[in-house]
Amino acid sequence: MKKILSLLVLLCFLISCVKKKPNFSKEMINVLAGRGEIQEDGAIKLPPPSVTFLDIYIRTNDNEILLSSGAELFFFYKEYYSKKFDSYEDFLDTVLNQDFVLDKRLLKKPTYLESFKLNSNTEKEYADLGFSSFLKKYSKKLLSKRIILNRAIIKDGEYSTIAYILFVNGYDLSSDCYLGVAYITKREDSFK
């Protein structure tokens, strides 16, 4: 009995030590941190990479999710967090991979950014279904084999939570305003 109990404890310990795969790889962090080449006069020679315009979701200390972008994160870093982190890359890694909670009190006027609380019904559905079934339910394939968000089944107040769940599971949404669809893309494909 002691051997079985010891084996179970060891197994639990090993499972708890398994390192979670980061949401953003080191290469992705480097791309997001790339602000373009800075010239001697301070101007940026190259524009920031297009992935800096992807939606990025950050948890706040008031149980909300803040919808942001790479440019906004750079602003937060420069204004509020540059003394707490050695580099912008360290800040991005902490925010994007280590469940960093942004202190909303530091932000003087955060009203220009969308924030929301997670929809509890959608969270429960995600917990019950698991990610694969959740993704299958809320997506559909186009003839071009691209996957889009199935907006027809999304109820009021669910979109932001669905987008956040996709985000934390390594998927990004990009809108095509002309067609009126939101493409679902694996994050590593967004950075190719």
C-alpha atoms as a PDB file:
ATOM      1  CA  MET A   1       0.000   0.000   0.000  1.00  0.00           C
ATOM      2  CA  LYS A   2       2.845   2.363   0.883  1.00  0.00           C
ATOM      3  CA  LYS A   3       4.529   1.620  -2.456  1.00  0.00           C
ATOM      4  CA  ILE A   4       1.348   2.428  -4.378  1.00  0.00           C
ATOM      5  CA  LEU A   5       0.842   5.634  -2.414  1.00  0.00           C
ATOM      6  CA  SER A   6       4.484   6.613  -2.963  1.00  0.00           C
ATOM      7  CA  LEU A   7       4.138   5.900  -6.668  1.00  0.00           C
ATOM      8  CA  LEU A   8       0.992   8.039  -6.895  1.00  0.00           C
ATOM      9  CA  VAL A   9       2.683  10.923  -5.062  1.00  0.00           C
ATOM     10  CA  LEU A  10       5.690  10.660  -7.383  1.00  0.00           C
ATOM     11  CA  LEU A  11       3.422  10.590 -10.436  1.00  0.00           C
ATOM     12  CA  CYS A  12       1.519  13.670  -9.241  1.00  0.00           C
ATOM     13  CA  PHE A  13       4.821  15.442  -8.596  1.00  0.00           C
ATOM     14  CA  LEU A  14       6.103  14.633 -12.083  1.00  0.00           C
ATOM     15  CA  ILE A  15       2.869  15.785 -13.711  1.00  0.00           C
ATOM     16  CA  SER A  16       2.959  19.064 -11.775  1.00  0.00           C
ATOM     17  CA  CYS A  17       6.553  19.649 -12.898  1.00  0.00           C
ATOM     18  CA  VAL A  18       5.728  19.367 -16.584  1.00  0.00           C
ATOM     19  CA  LYS A  19       6.420  22.786 -17.999  1.00  0.00           C
ATOM     20  CA  LYS A  20       3.489  24.419 -19.734  1.00  0.00           C
ATOM     21  CA  LYS A  21       4.174  25.306 -23.355  1.00  0.00           C
ATOM     22  CA  PRO A  22       4.394  29.106 -23.614  1.00  0.00           C
ATOM     23  CA  ASN A  23       1.594  30.894 -25.431  1.00  0.00           C
ATOM     24  CA  PHE A  24       4.220  32.929 -27.315  1.00  0.00           C
ATOM     25  CA  SER A  25       7.571  31.383 -28.250  1.00  0.00           C
ATOM     26  CA  LYS A  26      10.842  33.239 -27.756  1.00  0.00           C
ATOM     27  CA  GLU A  27      10.922  33.929 -31.511  1.00  0.00           C
ATOM     28  CA  MET A  28       7.398  35.393 -31.393  1.00  0.00           C
ATOM     29  CA  ILE A  29       8.386  37.604 -28.445  1.00  0.00           C
ATOM     30  CA  ASN A  30      11.400  38.844 -30.433  1.00  0.00           C
ATOM     31  CA  VAL A  31       9.194  39.687 -33.416  1.00  0.00           C
ATOM     32  CA  LEU A  32       6.676  41.520 -31.221  1.00  0.00           C
ATOM     33  CA  ALA A  33       9.491  43.369 -29.471  1.00  0.00           C
ATOM     34  CA  GLY A  34      10.942  44.503 -32.815  1.00  0.00           C
ATOM     35  CA  ARG A  35      10.065  48.145 -32.991  1.00  0.00           C
ATOM     36  CA  GLY A  36      11.855  48.760 -36.293  1.00  0.00           C
ATOM     37  CA  GLU A  37      15.344  50.091 -36.848  1.00  0.00           C
ATOM     38  CA  ILE A  38      15.917  53.396 -35.047  1.00  0.00           C
ATOM     39  CA  GLN A  39      17.940  56.006 -36.911  1.00  0.00           C
ATOM     40  CA  GLU A  40      20.326  58.513 -35.309  1.00  0.00           C
ATOM     41  CA  ASP A  41      17.666  61.237 -35.372  1.00  0.00           C
ATOM     42  CA  GLY A  42      15.319  58.962 -33.399  1.00  0.00           C
ATOM     43  CA  ALA A  43      12.996  58.174 -36.310  1.00  0.00           C
ATOM     44  CA  ILE A  44      12.020  54.581 -36.976  1.00  0.00           C
ATOM     45  CA  LYS A  45      13.384  53.486 -40.348  1.00  0.00           C
ATOM     46  CA  LEU A  46      11.335  50.312 -40.691  1.00  0.00           C
ATOM     47  CA  PRO A  47       7.676  49.998 -39.685  1.00  0.00           C
ATOM     48  CA  PRO A  48       6.846  47.636 -36.827  1.00  0.00           C
ATOM     49  CA  PRO A  49       6.013  44.110 -37.948  1.00  0.00           C
ATOM     50  CA  SER A  50       2.398  43.495 -38.936  1.00  0.00           C
ATOM     51  CA  VAL A  51       1.893  41.061 -36.043  1.00  0.00           C
ATOM     52  CA  THR A  52       2.110  43.988 -33.644  1.00  0.00           C
ATOM     53  CA  PHE A  53      -1.424  44.774 -34.774  1.00  0.00           C
ATOM     54  CA  LEU A  54      -2.829  41.447 -33.565  1.00  0.00           C
ATOM     55  CA  ASP A  55      -5.240  41.565 -30.673  1.00  0.00           C
ATOM     56  CA  ILE A  56      -3.525  40.828 -27.375  1.00  0.00           C
ATOM     57  CA  TYR A  57      -5.509  40.124 -24.233  1.00  0.00           C
ATOM     58  CA  ILE A  58      -4.206  41.032 -20.768  1.00  0.00           C
ATOM     59  CA  ARG A  59      -5.760  40.258 -17.420  1.00  0.00           C
ATOM     60  CA  THR A  60      -6.271  43.181 -15.040  1.00  0.00           C
ATOM     61  CA  ASN A  61      -6.448  43.294 -11.271  1.00  0.00           C
ATOM     62  CA  ASP A  62     -10.189  44.031 -11.353  1.00  0.00           C
ATOM     63  CA  ASN A  63     -11.042  40.660 -12.979  1.00  0.00           C
ATOM     64  CA  GLU A  64     -11.357  42.148 -16.421  1.00  0.00           C
ATOM     65  CA  ILE A  65      -9.624  41.367 -19.681  1.00  0.00           C
ATOM     66  CA  LEU A  66      -8.063  44.285 -21.523  1.00  0.00           C
ATOM     67  CA  LEU A  67      -7.994  44.132 -25.329  1.00  0.00           C
ATOM     68  CA  SER A  68      -4.671  45.573 -26.424  1.00  0.00           C
ATOM     69  CA  SER A  69      -2.017  45.414 -29.158  1.00  0.00           C
ATOM     70  CA  GLY A  70       1.765  45.243 -29.390  1.00  0.00           C
ATOM     71  CA  ALA A  71       1.919  49.026 -29.699  1.00  0.00           C
ATOM     72  CA  GLU A  72      -0.166  49.503 -26.549  1.00  0.00           C
ATOM     73  CA  LEU A  73       1.954  47.001 -24.646  1.00  0.00           C
ATOM     74  CA  PHE A  74       5.044  48.955 -25.638  1.00  0.00           C
ATOM     75  CA  PHE A  75       3.389  52.115 -24.282  1.00  0.00           C
ATOM     76  CA  PHE A  76       2.515  50.345 -20.991  1.00  0.00           C
ATOM     77  CA  TYR A  77       6.071  49.108 -20.713  1.00  0.00           C
ATOM     78  CA  LYS A  78       7.621  52.556 -21.323  1.00  0.00           C
ATOM     79  CA  GLU A  79       5.180  54.440 -19.086  1.00  0.00           C
ATOM     80  CA  TYR A  80       4.629  52.102 -16.163  1.00  0.00           C
ATOM     81  CA  TYR A  81       6.807  48.987 -16.174  1.00  0.00           C
ATOM     82  CA  SER A  82      10.247  49.825 -17.608  1.00  0.00           C
ATOM     83  CA  LYS A  83      11.787  50.029 -14.109  1.00  0.00           C
ATOM     84  CA  LYS A  84      10.341  46.654 -13.077  1.00  0.00           C
ATOM     85  CA  PHE A  85      11.635  44.700 -16.097  1.00  0.00           C
ATOM     86  CA  ASP A  86      15.119  44.464 -17.606  1.00  0.00           C
ATOM     87  CA  SER A  87      13.833  44.756 -21.173  1.00  0.00           C
ATOM     88  CA  TYR A  88      10.710  45.004 -23.262  1.00  0.00           C
ATOM     89  CA  GLU A  89      11.207  41.337 -24.214  1.00  0.00           C
ATOM     90  CA  ASP A  90      11.123  40.354 -20.521  1.00  0.00           C
ATOM     91  CA  PHE A  91       7.958  42.393 -20.054  1.00  0.00           C
ATOM     92  CA  LEU A  92       6.291  40.746 -23.090  1.00  0.00           C
ATOM     93  CA  ASP A  93       7.277  37.267 -21.934  1.00  0.00           C
ATOM     94  CA  THR A  94       5.849  37.917 -18.477  1.00  0.00           C
ATOM     95  CA  VAL A  95       2.619  39.457 -19.788  1.00  0.00           C
ATOM     96  CA  LEU A  96       1.989  36.927 -22.541  1.00  0.00           C
ATOM     97  CA  ASN A  97       3.310  33.699 -21.035  1.00  0.00           C
ATOM     98  CA  GLN A  98       3.161  34.010 -17.263  1.00  0.00           C
ATOM     99  CA  ASP A  99      -0.370  35.289 -16.568  1.00  0.00           C
ATOM    100  CA  PHE A 100       0.821  38.764 -15.581  1.00  0.00           C
ATOM    101  CA  VAL A 101      -1.971  40.867 -14.111  1.00  0.00           C
ATOM    102  CA  LEU A 102      -1.912  44.513 -15.188  1.00  0.00           C
ATOM    103  CA  ASP A 103      -2.567  47.018 -12.413  1.00  0.00           C
ATOM    104  CA  LYS A 104      -5.354  49.185 -13.822  1.00  0.00           C
ATOM    105  CA  ARG A 105      -4.711  51.879 -11.219  1.00  0.00           C
ATOM    106  CA  LEU A 106      -1.429  52.700 -12.966  1.00  0.00           C
ATOM    107  CA  LEU A 107      -3.216  53.617 -16.152  1.00  0.00           C
ATOM    108  CA  LYS A 108      -4.266  57.231 -16.110  1.00  0.00           C
ATOM    109  CA  LYS A 109      -6.903  57.043 -18.847  1.00  0.00           C
ATOM    110  CA  PRO A 110      -7.520  53.448 -19.959  1.00  0.00           C
ATOM    111  CA  THR A 111     -10.887  54.343 -21.491  1.00  0.00           C
ATOM    112  CA  TYR A 112      -9.589  54.113 -25.072  1.00  0.00           C
ATOM    113  CA  LEU A 113      -9.007  50.376 -24.668  1.00  0.00           C
ATOM    114  CA  GLU A 114     -11.845  47.882 -24.600  1.00  0.00           C
ATOM    115  CA  SER A 115     -12.105  45.838 -21.443  1.00  0.00           C
ATOM    116  CA  PHE A 116     -14.606  43.151 -20.562  1.00  0.00           C
ATOM    117  CA  LYS A 117     -15.454  40.492 -18.039  1.00  0.00           C
ATOM    118  CA  LEU A 118     -15.512  36.895 -19.186  1.00  0.00           C
ATOM    119  CA  ASN A 119     -18.936  35.462 -19.948  1.00  0.00           C
ATOM    120  CA  SER A 120     -19.479  32.755 -17.323  1.00  0.00           C
ATOM    121  CA  ASN A 121     -21.726  30.631 -19.570  1.00  0.00           C
ATOM    122  CA  THR A 122     -19.101  30.578 -22.324  1.00  0.00           C
ATOM    123  CA  GLU A 123     -16.346  29.776 -19.795  1.00  0.00           C
ATOM    124  CA  LYS A 124     -18.418  26.862 -18.461  1.00  0.00           C
ATOM    125  CA  GLU A 125     -19.087  25.596 -21.972  1.00  0.00           C
ATOM    126  CA  TYR A 126     -15.352  25.729 -22.726  1.00  0.00           C
ATOM    127  CA  ALA A 127     -14.564  23.819 -19.523  1.00  0.00           C
ATOM    128  CA  ASP A 128     -17.195  21.192 -20.343  1.00  0.00           C
ATOM    129  CA  LEU A 129     -16.314  20.751 -24.037  1.00  0.00           C
ATOM    130  CA  GLY A 130     -12.533  21.105 -23.974  1.00  0.00           C
ATOM    131  CA  PHE A 131     -10.743  23.277 -26.483  1.00  0.00           C
ATOM    132  CA  SER A 132     -10.972  21.037 -29.571  1.00  0.00           C
ATOM    133  CA  SER A 133     -14.754  20.682 -29.374  1.00  0.00           C
ATOM    134  CA  PHE A 134     -15.123  24.355 -28.445  1.00  0.00           C
ATOM    135  CA  LEU A 135     -13.118  25.376 -31.523  1.00  0.00           C
ATOM    136  CA  LYS A 136     -15.118  23.023 -33.727  1.00  0.00           C
ATOM    137  CA  LYS A 137     -18.410  24.446 -32.444  1.00  0.00           C
ATOM    138  CA  TYR A 138     -17.494  28.110 -32.955  1.00  0.00           C
ATOM    139  CA  SER A 139     -15.732  27.792 -36.302  1.00  0.00           C
ATOM    140  CA  LYS A 140     -16.476  26.730 -39.829  1.00  0.00           C
ATOM    141  CA  LYS A 141     -14.361  26.067 -42.900  1.00  0.00           C
ATOM    142  CA  LEU A 142     -14.536  28.070 -46.084  1.00  0.00           C
ATOM    143  CA  LEU A 143     -14.072  26.530 -49.497  1.00  0.00           C
ATOM    144  CA  SER A 144     -10.514  27.841 -49.391  1.00  0.00           C
ATOM    145  CA  LYS A 145      -9.928  25.606 -46.339  1.00  0.00           C
ATOM    146  CA  ARG A 146      -9.457  28.645 -44.127  1.00  0.00           C
ATOM    147  CA  ILE A 147     -11.241  28.589 -40.795  1.00  0.00           C
ATOM    148  CA  ILE A 148     -13.526  31.443 -39.793  1.00  0.00           C
ATOM    149  CA  LEU A 149     -15.470  32.282 -36.673  1.00  0.00           C
ATOM    150  CA  ASN A 150     -19.081  31.095 -36.949  1.00  0.00           C
ATOM    151  CA  ARG A 151     -20.739  34.360 -35.922  1.00  0.00           C
ATOM    152  CA  ALA A 152     -24.218  32.992 -36.635  1.00  0.00           C
ATOM    153  CA  ILE A 153     -24.240  30.983 -33.391  1.00  0.00           C
ATOM    154  CA  ILE A 154     -22.582  33.593 -31.152  1.00  0.00           C
ATOM    155  CA  LYS A 155     -24.983  35.244 -28.744  1.00  0.00           C
ATOM    156  CA  ASP A 156     -24.758  38.754 -27.299  1.00  0.00           C
ATOM    157  CA  GLY A 157     -21.897  39.080 -24.837  1.00  0.00           C
ATOM    158  CA  GLU A 158     -20.046  35.956 -26.023  1.00  0.00           C
ATOM    159  CA  TYR A 159     -17.736  37.252 -28.768  1.00  0.00           C
ATOM    160  CA  SER A 160     -15.029  38.742 -26.520  1.00  0.00           C
ATOM    161  CA  THR A 161     -14.886  35.648 -24.306  1.00  0.00           C
ATOM    162  CA  ILE A 162     -14.643  33.351 -27.344  1.00  0.00           C
ATOM    163  CA  ALA A 163     -11.846  35.519 -28.790  1.00  0.00           C
ATOM    164  CA  TYR A 164     -10.023  35.406 -25.431  1.00  0.00           C
ATOM    165  CA  ILE A 165     -10.352  31.609 -25.184  1.00  0.00           C
ATOM    166  CA  LEU A 166      -8.949  31.271 -28.701  1.00  0.00           C
ATOM    167  CA  PHE A 167      -6.095  33.616 -27.740  1.00  0.00           C
ATOM    168  CA  VAL A 168      -5.051  31.685 -24.620  1.00  0.00           C
ATOM    169  CA  ASN A 169      -5.086  28.479 -26.667  1.00  0.00           C
ATOM    170  CA  GLY A 170      -2.689  29.784 -29.317  1.00  0.00           C
ATOM    171  CA  TYR A 171      -5.113  31.112 -31.936  1.00  0.00           C
ATOM    172  CA  ASP A 172      -5.585  34.639 -33.261  1.00  0.00           C
ATOM    173  CA  LEU A 173      -8.516  36.331 -34.965  1.00  0.00           C
ATOM    174  CA  SER A 174      -8.043  38.640 -37.920  1.00  0.00           C
ATOM    175  CA  SER A 175     -10.929  40.485 -39.514  1.00  0.00           C
ATOM    176  CA  ASP A 176     -11.680  40.831 -43.186  1.00  0.00           C
ATOM    177  CA  CYS A 177     -13.905  43.886 -43.281  1.00  0.00           C
ATOM    178  CA  TYR A 178     -14.686  43.417 -46.972  1.00  0.00           C
ATOM    179  CA  LEU A 179     -16.072  39.890 -46.501  1.00  0.00           C
ATOM    180  CA  GLY A 180     -17.307  40.514 -42.962  1.00  0.00           C
ATOM    181  CA  VAL A 181     -15.567  37.459 -41.500  1.00  0.00           C
ATOM    182  CA  ALA A 182     -13.045  36.821 -38.749  1.00  0.00           C
ATOM    183  CA  TYR A 183     -10.351  34.321 -39.703  1.00  0.00           C
ATOM    184  CA  ILE A 184      -9.081  31.945 -37.020  1.00  0.00           C
ATOM    185  CA  THR A 185      -5.363  31.361 -37.399  1.00  0.00           C
ATOM    186  CA  LYS A 186      -2.930  29.299 -35.365  1.00  0.00           C
ATOM    187  CA  ARG A 187      -0.552  31.709 -33.699  1.00  0.00           C
ATOM    188  CA  GLU A 188       2.589  30.182 -35.203  1.00  0.00           C
ATOM    189  CA  ASP A 189       1.053  30.728 -38.671  1.00  0.00           C
ATOM    190  CA  SER A 190       0.492  34.402 -37.828  1.00  0.00           C
ATOM    191  CA  PHE A 191       4.227  34.791 -37.301  1.00  0.00           C
ATOM    192  CA  LYS A 192       5.387  33.165 -40.557  1.00  0.00           C
END
